Amino acid sequence: MEPRQELRKHLLNCHIAGFTYHDGCVVMDKLKIGAPLELVREDYNKYDPLCVAVYYKDYKLGYIPKEKNAQLSAFLDMGYADMFETRICRIDPTEHTERQVSINVYLKRKERDSRNY
């Protein structure tokens, strides 16, 4: 029996910055722990040139905090968006709005091509 391999490796945990100013409050009742999210690069953002937005379906929830987005933005810039899996890991409506939702970003295991073996 072959040893099991991890499907993903934890890379980052953070809150969603700017949650108050985007669609976070609009969809708060739809968000659930484990819900998949999408990371989208916003290199045109005048406040942060390394900006990475966080989306739930078509709703922009906010951003990866500025102090944690440098590596993610570089990978997204180079076309590696599909290597990340992003999910909600904590929801606490009693927290300040900017800290109500936390997320985990994982590196996904690359599918092996059987032709390479």
Protein backbone atom coordinates (compact mmCIF):
# COMPACT_ATOMS: atom_id res chain seq x y z
CA MET A 1 0.00 0.00 0.00
CA GLU A 2 1.38 3.39 -1.01
CA PRO A 3 1.61 6.06 1.68
CA ARG A 4 -1.12 8.67 1.52
CA GLN A 5 -0.20 12.08 0.24
CA GLU A 6 -1.60 15.38 1.42
CA LEU A 7 -4.04 16.92 -1.04
CA ARG A 8 -3.16 20.41 0.12
CA LYS A 9 -0.60 22.22 2.26
CA HIS A 10 -1.58 25.12 4.51
CA LEU A 11 0.02 28.36 3.33
CA LEU A 12 -1.77 31.27 4.99
CA ASN A 13 -4.45 32.14 7.54
CA CYS A 14 -5.84 35.66 7.77
CA HIS A 15 -8.94 37.78 8.15
CA ILE A 16 -10.47 39.51 5.13
CA ALA A 17 -9.36 43.13 5.06
CA GLY A 18 -11.96 45.65 3.89
CA PHE A 19 -14.88 43.31 4.63
CA THR A 20 -16.93 46.31 5.81
CA TYR A 21 -16.46 48.25 2.57
CA HIS A 22 -17.38 45.62 -0.01
CA ASP A 23 -20.02 42.87 -0.30
CA GLY A 24 -19.12 41.04 2.91
CA CYS A 25 -22.05 42.37 4.90
CA VAL A 26 -24.41 41.75 1.97
CA VAL A 27 -23.64 38.01 1.85
CA MET A 28 -22.74 37.35 5.49
CA ASP A 29 -25.82 35.14 5.95
CA LYS A 30 -24.77 32.97 2.97
CA LEU A 31 -21.18 32.38 4.13
CA LYS A 32 -20.33 29.04 5.75
CA ILE A 33 -17.18 27.49 7.12
CA GLY A 34 -15.53 25.53 4.35
CA ALA A 35 -17.04 27.63 1.55
CA PRO A 36 -14.63 27.99 -1.38
CA LEU A 37 -13.38 31.45 -2.27
CA GLU A 38 -11.47 32.86 -5.23
CA LEU A 39 -8.35 35.01 -5.16
CA VAL A 40 -8.20 37.71 -7.84
CA ARG A 41 -5.23 39.97 -8.49
CA GLU A 42 -5.95 43.74 -8.57
CA ASP A 43 -2.69 45.31 -9.73
CA TYR A 44 -4.52 48.57 -10.51
CA ASN A 45 -5.39 49.20 -6.83
CA LYS A 46 -4.01 52.65 -5.96
CA TYR A 47 -3.65 51.83 -2.26
CA ASP A 48 -1.76 48.56 -2.69
CA PRO A 49 0.04 47.57 -5.92
CA LEU A 50 0.23 43.95 -4.68
CA CYS A 51 -3.49 43.77 -3.93
CA VAL A 52 -5.25 40.37 -3.92
CA ALA A 53 -9.04 40.48 -3.71
CA VAL A 54 -11.13 37.71 -2.14
CA TYR A 55 -14.40 36.70 -3.84
CA TYR A 56 -17.30 34.50 -2.81
CA LYS A 57 -19.04 33.65 -6.09
CA ASP A 58 -19.56 37.08 -7.71
CA TYR A 59 -19.30 38.99 -4.43
CA LYS A 60 -16.13 40.80 -3.50
CA LEU A 61 -15.59 40.23 0.22
CA GLY A 62 -12.42 42.29 0.57
CA TYR A 63 -8.69 41.61 0.40
CA ILE A 64 -5.80 39.56 1.67
CA PRO A 65 -4.22 41.91 4.25
CA LYS A 66 -1.48 44.08 2.76
CA GLU A 67 1.22 42.64 5.01
CA LYS A 68 0.47 39.09 3.77
CA ASN A 69 -0.11 39.46 0.02
CA ALA A 70 3.36 39.76 -1.56
CA GLN A 71 3.97 36.09 -2.35
CA LEU A 72 0.36 35.42 -3.39
CA SER A 73 0.36 38.38 -5.76
CA ALA A 74 3.59 37.18 -7.40
CA PHE A 75 2.16 33.71 -8.06
CA LEU A 76 -1.12 35.17 -9.35
CA ASP A 77 0.80 37.55 -11.64
CA MET A 78 2.63 34.58 -13.14
CA GLY A 79 -0.59 32.66 -13.88
CA TYR A 80 -0.60 30.21 -10.97
CA ALA A 81 -4.09 30.97 -9.60
CA ASP A 82 -5.06 27.31 -10.00
CA MET A 83 -2.45 26.19 -7.45
CA PHE A 84 -4.40 27.80 -4.58
CA GLU A 85 -7.44 26.61 -2.71
CA THR A 86 -9.03 29.24 -0.48
CA ARG A 87 -11.73 28.50 2.08
CA ILE A 88 -13.52 30.16 4.96
CA CYS A 89 -12.22 28.72 8.21
CA ARG A 90 -13.90 30.91 10.85
CA ILE A 91 -17.00 33.07 11.13
CA ASP A 92 -17.69 35.04 14.30
CA PRO A 93 -20.46 37.66 14.04
CA THR A 94 -19.60 38.94 17.54
CA GLU A 95 -16.18 40.19 16.35
CA HIS A 96 -15.53 43.63 14.84
CA THR A 97 -16.75 43.58 11.23
CA GLU A 98 -13.20 43.56 9.84
CA ARG A 99 -12.41 40.38 11.80
CA GLN A 100 -15.65 38.41 11.48
CA VAL A 101 -14.42 36.11 8.71
CA SER A 102 -11.06 34.33 8.55
CA ILE A 103 -9.78 32.29 5.65
CA ASN A 104 -7.16 29.64 4.92
CA VAL A 105 -5.18 29.62 1.71
CA TYR A 106 -3.73 26.24 0.73
CA LEU A 107 -1.33 25.06 -1.95
CA LYS A 108 -3.02 22.28 -3.90
CA ARG A 109 -1.14 19.13 -4.82
CA LYS A 110 -0.28 19.12 -8.50
CA GLU A 111 -1.94 16.29 -10.40
CA ARG A 112 0.62 13.83 -11.63
CA ASP A 113 0.74 13.08 -15.30
CA SER A 114 1.11 9.31 -15.65
CA ARG A 115 2.96 9.82 -18.95
CA ASN A 116 5.92 11.24 -17.00
CA TYR A 117 6.58 7.95 -15.19
